[in-house]
């Protein structure tokens, strides 16, 4: 618990980081650069997989590959 009491003050560092005018939104400054592209990859790949399987189901195939 003593580590929390005698810790350096990081508020000025974070104020400089978040109030800097670099054209990025607040949510993009720390994690957004890495989370949003990952989210888009997962979202579009799952959408593409759903469309692929819906097309196969319309043609009468109930598996991912093959003629079943």
Protein backbone atom coordinates (compact mmCIF):
# COMPACT_ATOMS: atom_id res chain seq x y z
CA UNK A 1 0.00 0.00 0.00
CA UNK A 2 2.96 2.32 0.53
CA UNK A 3 3.63 2.33 -3.22
CA UNK A 4 0.39 4.16 -3.83
CA UNK A 5 1.17 6.89 -1.28
CA UNK A 6 4.74 7.81 -2.29
CA UNK A 7 4.20 7.69 -6.03
CA UNK A 8 5.15 10.39 -8.53
CA UNK A 9 2.39 12.66 -9.81
CA UNK A 10 1.60 11.62 -13.41
CA UNK A 11 -1.20 14.17 -13.94
CA UNK A 12 0.96 16.76 -15.79
CA UNK A 13 2.27 14.03 -18.10
CA UNK A 14 -1.23 12.84 -18.98
CA UNK A 15 -2.49 16.41 -19.37
CA UNK A 16 0.24 17.08 -21.93
CA UNK A 17 -0.59 13.82 -23.71
CA UNK A 18 -4.34 14.33 -23.93
CA UNK A 19 -4.44 18.11 -24.49
CA UNK A 20 -1.85 18.10 -27.28
CA UNK A 21 -3.31 19.28 -30.61
CA UNK A 22 -2.25 16.49 -32.92
CA UNK A 23 -5.51 15.94 -34.81
CA UNK A 24 -6.47 12.75 -32.98
CA UNK A 25 -9.63 12.24 -30.99
CA UNK A 26 -9.37 11.51 -27.27
CA UNK A 27 -10.24 7.81 -27.69
CA UNK A 28 -7.57 7.44 -30.37
CA UNK A 29 -4.71 8.83 -28.31
CA UNK A 30 -3.90 5.78 -26.20
CA UNK A 31 -5.54 2.54 -27.30
CA UNK A 32 -7.75 3.55 -30.22
CA UNK A 33 -5.03 3.26 -32.82
CA UNK A 34 -4.73 -0.44 -32.16
CA UNK A 35 -8.24 -1.42 -31.07
CA UNK A 36 -10.27 0.05 -33.93
CA UNK A 37 -8.42 -1.74 -36.78
CA UNK A 38 -8.62 -5.02 -34.85
CA UNK A 39 -12.34 -4.51 -34.31
CA UNK A 40 -12.86 -3.80 -38.02
CA UNK A 41 -10.95 -6.93 -39.05
CA UNK A 42 -13.05 -9.11 -36.75
CA UNK A 43 -16.30 -7.41 -37.76
CA UNK A 44 -15.77 -7.62 -41.53
CA UNK A 45 -14.38 -11.16 -41.46
CA UNK A 46 -17.36 -12.41 -39.42
CA UNK A 47 -19.73 -10.56 -41.78
CA UNK A 48 -17.99 -12.10 -44.79
CA UNK A 49 -18.16 -15.59 -43.26
CA UNK A 50 -21.87 -15.12 -42.56
CA UNK A 51 -22.51 -14.01 -46.14
CA UNK A 52 -20.52 -16.97 -47.49
CA UNK A 53 -22.48 -19.49 -45.44
CA UNK A 54 -25.83 -17.85 -46.26
CA UNK A 55 -24.99 -18.17 -49.95
CA UNK A 56 -24.10 -21.84 -49.48
CA UNK A 57 -27.31 -22.48 -47.55
CA UNK A 58 -29.35 -20.93 -50.39
CA UNK A 59 -27.68 -23.37 -52.78
CA UNK A 60 -28.51 -26.29 -50.47
CA UNK A 61 -25.08 -26.98 -48.95
CA UNK A 62 -25.06 -27.22 -45.15
CA UNK A 63 -21.28 -27.40 -44.60
CA UNK A 64 -18.44 -24.93 -45.15
CA UNK A 65 -16.81 -27.03 -47.89
CA UNK A 66 -17.96 -29.91 -50.05
CA UNK A 67 -21.28 -30.89 -51.57
CA UNK A 68 -23.21 -32.06 -48.47
